[in-house]
Amino acid sequence: MLLPAALIALAGGLIGGLVGRSIGADDDVAGTGCPAATIAEQVLPSVVTLAVTNGATSGNGSGEVIRDGGYILTNDHVIAPAGRGGRIDVLFSDGRTAPATIVGRAVQVDLAVVRVAAPEPLPLIAVGRSSTLRVGQPVVALGAPLGLSGTVTAGIVSALGRDIPVPADGGQTAVLPGAVQTDAAINPGNSGGPLVDCDGRLIGVNTAIATVPNEAGQGGGGSVGIGFAIPVDEAMVVADQLINRGP
C-alpha cells in the first residue's frame, strides 16, 4: 500500500537536456563494495535513449538492448505516442542514432519492445533474476532522466512485491506486478531503463516514482527516493512473448 500522501508518476520525460558522460556513479555504492563505476562502463553500451515524436507531442525515455537483431525493451508509456503514427529515434551511447519500429506492446503491464535495423551486432545487457533479490542489496539505475543520456544513479532495494497501479495509454490503468522499490534516483526520462545488480545484470525496468503532492494537490516532478521497477523475471517473459507474437 502507498501512503495517502504519495502520488505515482510515470518516469517518462520531455525531450530536452544533454547527451553526456555518466554522472552520479561512485566507485562504491554506499560502502557495500558494489562497483558503480565499473557497472556503468559495462552496462551503458547496452542502454539507449528513446526520443518519441508525434506532431506537437514529444517525449523521451530509456531502454536496453535485450536480444540480437536490435530488440530493445522499454515501457509502453514511453513509446505510446508513436503507436498512432509517430516516430521513435534511438540514441546509442556512442552517439549513433537510428529509427525504431514497434514490435509489440503490453499496455496492461506497461512494457513494450521496439527494434532497430542495426548493421552490426549491438551490445546486449546481461539478464539477471529478480526472484533472488533481497531488501537492502545495492542496485544501480541507468538511463536518460530529463534527456541526460548516460546518467547513472545508485541505491538499494528498498522493498519487494509492490503491486503499483499507473496510468496507461487510452485512459487505461496498468499494474506493475510485484514491483521492486528502490531509493536510487529515478526521474522523468528514466522510464524503460535498467535497474541492475552489482554484477551489472538487469533485475528490473525502471518505470514510476512516488511524488509528494504540493498545495494544489499535484505531485512534484522529481525523485523523493521512492522509485519502482518491473521485476526482470516478469519483464522478460512479456518481452519474449511480444517478440515471438508481434503486435
Protein backbone atom coordinates (compact mmCIF):
# COMPACT_ATOMS: atom_id res chain seq x y z
CA MET A 1 0.00 0.00 0.00
CA LEU A 2 1.14 3.52 -0.77
CA LEU A 3 0.78 6.27 1.75
CA PRO A 4 -2.19 8.59 1.04
CA ALA A 5 0.25 11.48 0.72
CA ALA A 6 2.04 9.83 -2.19
CA LEU A 7 1.17 10.16 -5.86
CA ILE A 8 2.51 7.82 -8.52
CA ALA A 9 4.03 9.46 -11.58
CA LEU A 10 5.37 7.73 -14.67
CA ALA A 11 9.04 8.34 -15.20
CA GLY A 12 8.73 9.38 -18.84
CA GLY A 13 10.14 12.79 -19.73
CA LEU A 14 10.07 15.72 -22.10
CA ILE A 15 12.70 15.86 -24.80
CA GLY A 16 15.46 18.15 -23.73
CA GLY A 17 18.73 18.19 -21.85
CA LEU A 18 22.14 16.99 -22.91
CA VAL A 19 23.91 13.88 -24.05
CA GLY A 20 26.92 13.43 -21.80
CA ARG A 21 29.10 11.18 -19.73
CA SER A 22 27.63 9.15 -16.93
CA ILE A 23 27.08 11.08 -13.72
CA GLY A 24 26.38 10.03 -10.17
CA ALA A 25 28.42 6.80 -10.39
CA ASP A 26 30.61 6.46 -7.31
CA ASP A 27 33.30 3.82 -7.03
CA ASP A 28 31.32 2.11 -4.30
CA VAL A 29 27.56 2.02 -3.71
CA ALA A 30 27.00 3.17 -0.13
CA GLY A 31 30.16 1.41 1.06
CA THR A 32 28.89 -2.02 0.02
CA GLY A 33 31.66 -2.89 -2.41
CA CYS A 34 29.30 -2.64 -5.40
CA PRO A 35 31.49 -1.06 -8.14
CA ALA A 36 29.15 1.50 -9.71
CA ALA A 37 31.86 2.96 -11.96
CA THR A 38 32.68 -0.48 -13.35
CA ILE A 39 28.99 -1.25 -13.76
CA ALA A 40 28.47 1.99 -15.70
CA GLU A 41 31.31 1.13 -18.07
CA GLN A 42 29.95 -2.37 -18.57
CA VAL A 43 26.23 -1.62 -18.93
CA LEU A 44 25.95 1.79 -20.61
CA PRO A 45 26.78 0.50 -24.13
CA SER A 46 23.55 -1.56 -24.00
CA VAL A 47 21.41 1.35 -22.71
CA VAL A 48 19.64 3.65 -25.17
CA THR A 49 17.67 6.87 -25.13
CA LEU A 50 14.33 6.86 -26.98
CA ALA A 51 13.06 10.11 -28.47
CA VAL A 52 9.38 9.87 -29.42
CA THR A 53 7.58 12.48 -31.52
CA ASN A 54 4.10 12.75 -32.95
CA GLY A 55 3.16 16.16 -34.26
CA ALA A 56 3.45 18.63 -31.41
CA THR A 57 3.84 15.82 -28.87
CA SER A 58 7.34 14.78 -27.88
CA GLY A 59 8.98 12.90 -25.07
CA ASN A 60 11.91 10.74 -24.16
CA GLY A 61 12.62 7.62 -22.21
CA SER A 62 15.18 4.87 -21.90
CA GLY A 63 15.59 1.25 -22.89
CA GLU A 64 18.04 -1.63 -23.04
CA VAL A 65 19.08 -3.97 -25.85
CA ILE A 66 17.95 -7.45 -24.81
CA ARG A 67 18.31 -9.63 -27.90
CA ASP A 68 20.34 -9.89 -31.09
CA GLY A 69 18.58 -8.33 -34.05
CA GLY A 70 18.19 -4.89 -32.45
CA TYR A 71 15.43 -5.71 -29.95
CA ILE A 72 15.04 -3.09 -27.20
CA LEU A 73 12.92 -3.37 -24.06
CA THR A 74 11.22 -0.25 -22.67
CA ASN A 75 7.97 0.95 -21.08
CA ASP A 76 4.78 1.15 -23.13
CA HIS A 77 4.07 4.68 -21.90
CA VAL A 78 7.39 5.81 -23.40
CA ILE A 79 6.52 4.76 -26.94
CA ALA A 80 2.71 5.04 -26.82
CA PRO A 81 2.52 8.27 -28.88
CA ALA A 82 4.36 6.54 -31.73
CA GLY A 83 1.63 3.91 -31.87
CA ARG A 84 -0.60 6.49 -33.55
CA GLY A 85 1.60 7.49 -36.45
CA GLY A 86 4.53 8.94 -34.54
CA ARG A 87 8.26 8.36 -34.77
CA ILE A 88 10.82 6.72 -32.49
CA ASP A 89 14.51 7.59 -32.72
CA VAL A 90 17.08 5.64 -30.73
CA LEU A 91 20.26 7.26 -29.44
CA PHE A 92 23.10 4.88 -28.55
CA SER A 93 25.84 5.51 -26.03
CA ASP A 94 28.40 6.06 -28.80
CA GLY A 95 26.33 8.91 -30.27
CA ARG A 96 24.82 7.00 -33.20
CA THR A 97 21.10 7.26 -33.87
CA ALA A 98 18.65 5.00 -35.69
CA PRO A 99 14.88 4.91 -36.24
CA ALA A 100 12.93 2.19 -34.46
CA THR A 101 9.71 0.35 -35.12
CA ILE A 102 7.30 -1.08 -32.55
CA VAL A 103 7.49 -4.86 -32.25
CA GLY A 104 4.80 -5.28 -29.61
CA ARG A 105 3.05 -3.59 -26.68
CA ALA A 106 1.70 -4.88 -23.37
CA VAL A 107 -0.29 -1.92 -22.13
CA GLN A 108 -1.63 -3.72 -19.05
CA VAL A 109 1.84 -4.12 -17.55
CA ASP A 110 3.43 -1.04 -19.20
CA LEU A 111 6.03 -2.86 -21.27
CA ALA A 112 6.94 -2.67 -24.95
CA VAL A 113 9.61 -3.88 -27.35
CA VAL A 114 10.95 -1.83 -30.25
CA ARG A 115 13.51 -2.76 -32.89
CA VAL A 116 16.24 -1.02 -34.82
CA ALA A 117 17.86 -2.25 -38.01
CA ALA A 118 21.48 -2.38 -36.90
CA PRO A 119 24.22 -3.04 -39.49
CA GLU A 120 26.27 -4.84 -36.82
CA PRO A 121 25.52 -6.64 -33.54
CA LEU A 122 24.63 -4.35 -30.65
CA PRO A 123 25.91 -4.81 -27.08
CA LEU A 124 23.35 -6.79 -25.07
CA ILE A 125 22.53 -6.22 -21.42
CA ALA A 126 23.18 -9.21 -19.18
CA VAL A 127 19.94 -10.51 -17.69
CA GLY A 128 19.77 -11.44 -14.02
CA ARG A 129 16.98 -12.71 -11.77
CA SER A 130 14.57 -10.73 -9.64
CA SER A 131 13.39 -13.76 -7.66
CA THR A 132 16.63 -13.78 -5.68
CA LEU A 133 16.64 -10.07 -4.77
CA ARG A 134 16.93 -9.12 -1.12
CA VAL A 135 15.81 -5.95 0.61
CA GLY A 136 18.86 -3.81 1.30
CA GLN A 137 21.06 -5.08 -1.52
CA PRO A 138 22.72 -2.36 -3.63
CA VAL A 139 21.47 -1.58 -7.14
CA VAL A 140 22.30 0.86 -9.93
CA ALA A 141 19.86 2.66 -12.25
CA LEU A 142 20.86 3.82 -15.73
CA GLY A 143 19.01 5.92 -18.27
CA ALA A 144 18.26 9.40 -19.54
CA PRO A 145 16.47 11.48 -16.87
CA LEU A 146 15.42 14.85 -18.33
CA GLY A 147 17.09 13.78 -21.57
CA LEU A 148 20.52 13.44 -19.92
CA SER A 149 21.69 10.26 -21.65
CA GLY A 150 24.21 8.09 -19.86
CA THR A 151 23.14 9.03 -16.35
CA VAL A 152 23.91 6.59 -13.54
CA THR A 153 22.49 6.63 -10.01
CA ALA A 154 22.92 4.19 -7.15
CA GLY A 155 20.92 2.98 -4.17
CA ILE A 156 19.45 -0.14 -2.61
CA VAL A 157 16.43 -2.37 -2.94
CA SER A 158 14.02 -0.67 -0.51
CA ALA A 159 11.16 -3.19 -0.72
CA LEU A 160 9.85 -6.02 -2.87
CA GLY A 161 6.49 -7.23 -4.12
CA ARG A 162 4.71 -3.91 -4.58
CA ASP A 163 1.71 -4.01 -6.97
CA ILE A 164 1.70 -0.45 -8.30
CA PRO A 165 -1.17 0.96 -10.43
CA VAL A 166 -0.04 3.52 -13.02
CA PRO A 167 -1.79 5.48 -15.79
CA ALA A 168 -1.72 3.77 -19.19
CA ASP A 169 -2.45 4.59 -22.82
CA GLY A 170 -6.06 5.36 -23.75
CA GLY A 171 -7.12 6.21 -20.21
CA GLN A 172 -6.44 2.66 -19.01
CA THR A 173 -4.67 1.65 -15.82
CA ALA A 174 -1.65 -0.63 -15.86
CA VAL A 175 -0.32 -2.53 -12.87
CA LEU A 176 3.37 -3.06 -12.22
CA PRO A 177 3.31 -6.61 -10.84
CA GLY A 178 5.42 -7.22 -7.74
CA ALA A 179 7.47 -4.10 -8.39
CA VAL A 180 10.94 -3.58 -6.97
CA GLN A 181 11.09 -0.42 -4.85
CA THR A 182 14.41 1.45 -4.83
CA ASP A 183 15.86 4.68 -3.49
CA ALA A 184 18.21 5.02 -6.47
CA ALA A 185 17.23 8.35 -8.02
CA ILE A 186 14.72 7.83 -10.86
CA ASN A 187 13.35 10.89 -12.65
CA PRO A 188 11.32 11.70 -15.78
CA GLY A 189 13.20 10.15 -18.70
CA ASN A 190 14.43 7.11 -16.73
CA SER A 191 11.35 5.12 -17.76
CA GLY A 192 12.23 1.90 -19.54
CA GLY A 193 15.85 1.98 -18.44
CA PRO A 194 17.59 -0.76 -16.49
CA LEU A 195 17.94 -1.35 -12.78
CA VAL A 196 20.93 -3.64 -12.37
CA ASP A 197 22.69 -5.56 -9.61
CA CYS A 198 26.35 -5.39 -8.61
CA ASP A 199 27.28 -7.70 -11.48
CA GLY A 200 25.66 -5.36 -14.00
CA ARG A 201 22.77 -7.76 -14.65
CA LEU A 202 19.29 -6.48 -15.42
CA ILE A 203 16.99 -7.06 -12.44
CA GLY A 204 14.23 -4.52 -13.20
CA VAL A 205 12.82 -1.98 -15.66
CA ASN A 206 12.56 1.47 -14.11
CA THR A 207 9.01 2.70 -14.59
CA ALA A 208 7.49 5.02 -11.97
CA ILE A 209 8.18 7.22 -8.96
CA ALA A 210 6.20 8.32 -5.96
CA THR A 211 5.87 12.09 -5.53
CA VAL A 212 4.63 14.26 -2.70
CA PRO A 213 1.61 16.44 -3.58
CA ASN A 214 2.02 20.20 -3.44
CA GLU A 215 -0.50 22.73 -2.13
CA ALA A 216 -2.55 22.30 -5.32
CA GLY A 217 -2.75 18.56 -4.74
CA GLN A 218 -0.45 17.78 -7.65
CA GLY A 219 2.67 15.67 -7.46
CA GLY A 220 6.15 17.09 -7.68
CA GLY A 221 8.27 16.37 -10.72
CA GLY A 222 11.34 14.68 -9.30
CA SER A 223 12.67 11.84 -7.20
CA VAL A 224 11.86 11.66 -3.50
CA GLY A 225 13.74 8.39 -3.12
CA ILE A 226 10.81 6.08 -3.89
CA GLY A 227 11.03 4.54 -7.33
CA PHE A 228 9.53 1.38 -8.81
CA ALA A 229 10.87 -1.08 -11.36
CA ILE A 230 9.14 -4.01 -13.06
CA PRO A 231 10.94 -7.22 -11.98
CA VAL A 232 13.04 -8.70 -14.74
CA ASP A 233 11.58 -12.20 -14.35
CA GLU A 234 8.15 -10.87 -15.38
CA ALA A 235 9.52 -8.34 -17.87
CA MET A 236 11.47 -10.89 -19.88
CA VAL A 237 8.51 -13.26 -20.14
CA VAL A 238 6.45 -10.41 -21.58
CA ALA A 239 9.29 -9.30 -23.86
CA ASP A 240 9.73 -12.80 -25.28
CA GLN A 241 6.01 -13.05 -25.96
CA LEU A 242 5.96 -9.69 -27.71
CA ILE A 243 8.94 -10.60 -29.88
CA ASN A 244 7.56 -14.02 -30.77
CA ARG A 245 3.98 -12.87 -31.43
CA GLY A 246 4.41 -9.28 -32.54
CA PRO A 247 1.77 -6.54 -32.14
